[in-house]
Amino acid sequence: MAKGPTPLPAISVRPVRPDDRMRILGALAYTSANTYYRRFHAPKPHFSETELTHLTQVDGHDHIALIATERDRPDRLVAIARCVRDANAPTEAELAITVHDPYQRRGIGRQMLTSLTDAAREHGITRLHANVQFDNEAMIGLLHSVLPQAVLVDRAGSVGDYAADID
C-alpha cells in the first residue's frame, strides 16, 4: 500500500522578528538548492550578515514579512512570505514566498500568500508584483489561485514580472 504525504503539523504564522535569523539559517539544512534558486533566481548556499539583516529587520509597513513555524517545534521554519514597498511607487510592492521543502504542495503557500495580501492591503499597498521564473509552474499556479487577476506585465530572460491589483 502506498503511503500518502506525512500529515501537516499545526503551524503558527506571525510577523518576522530579528531572532528569526537562526530559523532561516537552520532551514538551509532541509531546503533544496532548487527551492532557493526558485526564490532568489541564483544559487543560495548561505546567507550573508547583510542578507540576514534585510530578511529579519522588517518594519511591518514598507517591508512586511510573515513567518510560519511548526506550532510544536517553533524553531522549525515552514515558510516565509514578504513584500517590499516600491519607493518610487508607494502603492506597489514586490512579493516573494518560500515554502521549505518538507512542507511544499500542502496549502501553506496559499495560506501565506493570502495572509500577505491582506497585510499589504491593510498598509495601503494596492498592487503586488512577483518575479517568477517561467518554468516555476508551482508559483505561477499559486499566484493565479490566490490572485486570479495576476497578469504578466514584463519579462527579462527566463523571469516574468507578474502583477495583480489587490484593492
Protein backbone atom coordinates (compact mmCIF):
# COMPACT_ATOMS: atom_id res chain seq x y z
CA MET A 1 0.00 0.00 0.00
CA ALA A 2 1.42 3.40 -1.00
CA LYS A 3 1.86 5.89 1.77
CA GLY A 4 0.46 9.40 1.35
CA PRO A 5 2.25 12.54 2.42
CA THR A 6 3.07 12.96 6.09
CA PRO A 7 0.27 14.85 7.82
CA LEU A 8 0.95 18.55 8.03
CA PRO A 9 1.86 19.66 11.54
CA ALA A 10 -0.06 22.56 13.07
CA ILE A 11 1.62 25.82 12.15
CA SER A 12 1.74 29.30 13.62
CA VAL A 13 2.01 32.41 11.44
CA ARG A 14 3.33 35.71 12.78
CA PRO A 15 5.41 38.70 11.68
CA VAL A 16 9.14 38.10 11.20
CA ARG A 17 11.35 39.18 14.12
CA PRO A 18 15.11 39.76 14.40
CA ASP A 19 15.54 36.47 16.30
CA ASP A 20 14.28 34.57 13.21
CA ARG A 21 17.78 34.69 11.70
CA MET A 22 18.60 31.36 13.40
CA ARG A 23 15.43 29.77 11.95
CA ILE A 24 16.43 30.99 8.49
CA LEU A 25 19.93 29.59 8.90
CA GLY A 26 18.58 26.30 10.27
CA ALA A 27 16.31 25.87 7.24
CA LEU A 28 19.38 25.61 4.99
CA ALA A 29 19.69 22.02 6.26
CA TYR A 30 16.30 20.90 4.92
CA THR A 31 15.74 23.16 1.93
CA SER A 32 16.96 22.16 -1.51
CA ALA A 33 19.20 24.22 -3.74
CA ASN A 34 16.34 24.26 -6.26
CA THR A 35 13.92 25.85 -3.77
CA TYR A 36 16.40 28.63 -3.01
CA TYR A 37 17.18 29.04 -6.71
CA ARG A 38 13.46 29.49 -7.41
CA ARG A 39 13.22 32.13 -4.68
CA PHE A 40 16.45 34.09 -5.30
CA HIS A 41 17.00 33.30 -9.03
CA ALA A 42 20.56 32.31 -8.16
CA PRO A 43 22.29 29.66 -6.06
CA LYS A 44 21.97 30.38 -2.34
CA PRO A 45 24.21 28.05 -0.30
CA HIS A 46 24.38 30.54 2.60
CA PHE A 47 23.18 33.96 3.75
CA SER A 48 25.50 36.87 4.44
CA GLU A 49 25.07 39.01 7.55
CA THR A 50 23.70 41.79 5.33
CA GLU A 51 21.13 39.44 3.81
CA LEU A 52 20.09 38.11 7.22
CA THR A 53 19.64 41.66 8.47
CA HIS A 54 17.46 42.50 5.46
CA LEU A 55 15.41 39.32 5.91
CA THR A 56 14.81 39.83 9.64
CA GLN A 57 14.82 43.60 10.26
CA VAL A 58 11.42 44.47 8.85
CA ASP A 59 9.28 47.49 9.72
CA GLY A 60 5.88 45.89 9.08
CA HIS A 61 4.81 48.76 6.83
CA ASP A 62 7.24 49.18 3.91
CA HIS A 63 8.69 45.70 4.40
CA ILE A 64 6.08 43.21 5.56
CA ALA A 65 7.22 39.68 6.32
CA LEU A 66 5.32 36.74 7.77
CA ILE A 67 6.85 33.53 9.05
CA ALA A 68 5.23 30.15 9.56
CA THR A 69 6.71 27.73 12.08
CA GLU A 70 5.62 24.38 13.43
CA ARG A 71 3.49 25.02 16.49
CA ASP A 72 5.09 22.17 18.46
CA ARG A 73 8.60 22.99 17.20
CA PRO A 74 8.68 26.81 16.94
CA ASP A 75 12.32 26.79 15.86
CA ARG A 76 11.36 24.82 12.72
CA LEU A 77 10.81 27.21 9.79
CA VAL A 78 7.97 26.18 7.49
CA ALA A 79 7.58 29.20 5.19
CA ILE A 80 8.19 32.92 4.81
CA ALA A 81 6.19 35.40 2.74
CA ARG A 82 7.22 39.01 2.32
CA CYS A 83 6.58 42.11 0.30
CA VAL A 84 8.71 45.21 0.00
CA ARG A 85 7.13 48.50 -0.99
CA ASP A 86 8.47 50.21 -4.13
CA ALA A 87 10.00 53.54 -3.04
CA ASN A 88 9.09 55.06 -6.43
CA ALA A 89 5.53 53.71 -6.48
CA PRO A 90 4.43 53.55 -2.83
CA THR A 91 1.18 51.71 -3.50
CA GLU A 92 3.11 48.82 -5.12
CA ALA A 93 5.26 46.11 -3.57
CA GLU A 94 7.27 43.12 -4.72
CA LEU A 95 6.32 39.84 -3.08
CA ALA A 96 8.28 36.68 -2.50
CA ILE A 97 7.40 33.38 -0.83
CA THR A 98 9.50 30.43 0.25
CA VAL A 99 7.86 27.23 1.40
CA HIS A 100 10.59 24.91 2.64
CA ASP A 101 10.82 21.50 1.03
CA PRO A 102 9.19 19.26 3.67
CA TYR A 103 6.07 21.46 3.58
CA GLN A 104 5.60 22.10 -0.13
CA ARG A 105 2.39 21.32 -2.04
CA ARG A 106 0.28 21.18 1.11
CA GLY A 107 -1.57 24.51 1.00
CA ILE A 108 0.88 26.55 3.03
CA GLY A 109 1.88 28.77 0.11
CA ARG A 110 -1.78 29.64 -0.44
CA GLN A 111 -2.25 30.44 3.25
CA MET A 112 0.90 32.59 3.32
CA LEU A 113 0.07 34.49 0.11
CA THR A 114 -3.47 35.15 1.31
CA SER A 115 -2.21 36.47 4.66
CA LEU A 116 0.46 38.57 2.97
CA THR A 117 -2.06 40.06 0.54
CA ASP A 118 -4.34 41.01 3.45
CA ALA A 119 -1.44 42.61 5.35
CA ALA A 120 -0.28 44.52 2.26
CA ARG A 121 -3.78 45.86 1.66
CA GLU A 122 -4.00 47.00 5.31
CA HIS A 123 -0.82 49.04 4.75
CA GLY A 124 -2.05 50.84 1.63
CA ILE A 125 -0.48 48.58 -0.97
CA THR A 126 -2.84 48.15 -3.91
CA ARG A 127 -0.66 46.27 -6.40
CA LEU A 128 1.66 43.31 -5.85
CA HIS A 129 4.42 42.18 -8.21
CA ALA A 130 6.18 38.82 -8.26
CA ASN A 131 9.28 38.00 -10.29
CA VAL A 132 8.86 34.35 -11.21
CA GLN A 133 10.85 32.05 -13.47
CA PHE A 134 8.66 30.98 -16.37
CA ASP A 135 9.22 27.29 -15.63
CA ASN A 136 8.20 27.68 -11.96
CA GLU A 137 4.73 26.29 -12.57
CA ALA A 138 4.02 25.87 -8.85
CA MET A 139 4.50 29.57 -8.09
CA ILE A 140 2.64 30.73 -11.19
CA GLY A 141 -0.22 28.41 -10.23
CA LEU A 142 -0.17 29.74 -6.67
CA LEU A 143 -0.32 33.33 -7.90
CA HIS A 144 -3.27 32.59 -10.13
CA SER A 145 -5.12 30.63 -7.46
CA VAL A 146 -4.89 33.39 -4.84
CA LEU A 147 -4.69 36.38 -7.20
CA PRO A 148 -6.56 35.30 -10.34
CA GLN A 149 -6.20 38.84 -11.67
CA ALA A 150 -2.39 38.46 -11.87
CA VAL A 151 -1.03 39.16 -15.34
CA LEU A 152 2.39 39.06 -16.93
CA VAL A 153 3.48 42.69 -17.31
CA ASP A 154 7.16 42.34 -18.22
CA ARG A 155 9.79 39.72 -18.96
CA ALA A 156 13.54 39.62 -18.58
CA GLY A 157 15.11 36.45 -19.92
CA SER A 158 13.65 33.48 -18.05
CA VAL A 159 11.85 35.60 -15.44
CA GLY A 160 8.43 37.21 -15.72
CA ASP A 161 7.07 40.10 -13.67
CA TYR A 162 3.52 39.21 -12.72
CA ALA A 163 1.33 41.93 -11.23
CA ALA A 164 -2.03 41.88 -9.50
CA ASP A 165 -4.19 44.73 -8.25
CA ILE A 166 -5.42 43.93 -4.75
CA ASP A 167 -7.52 46.99 -3.82
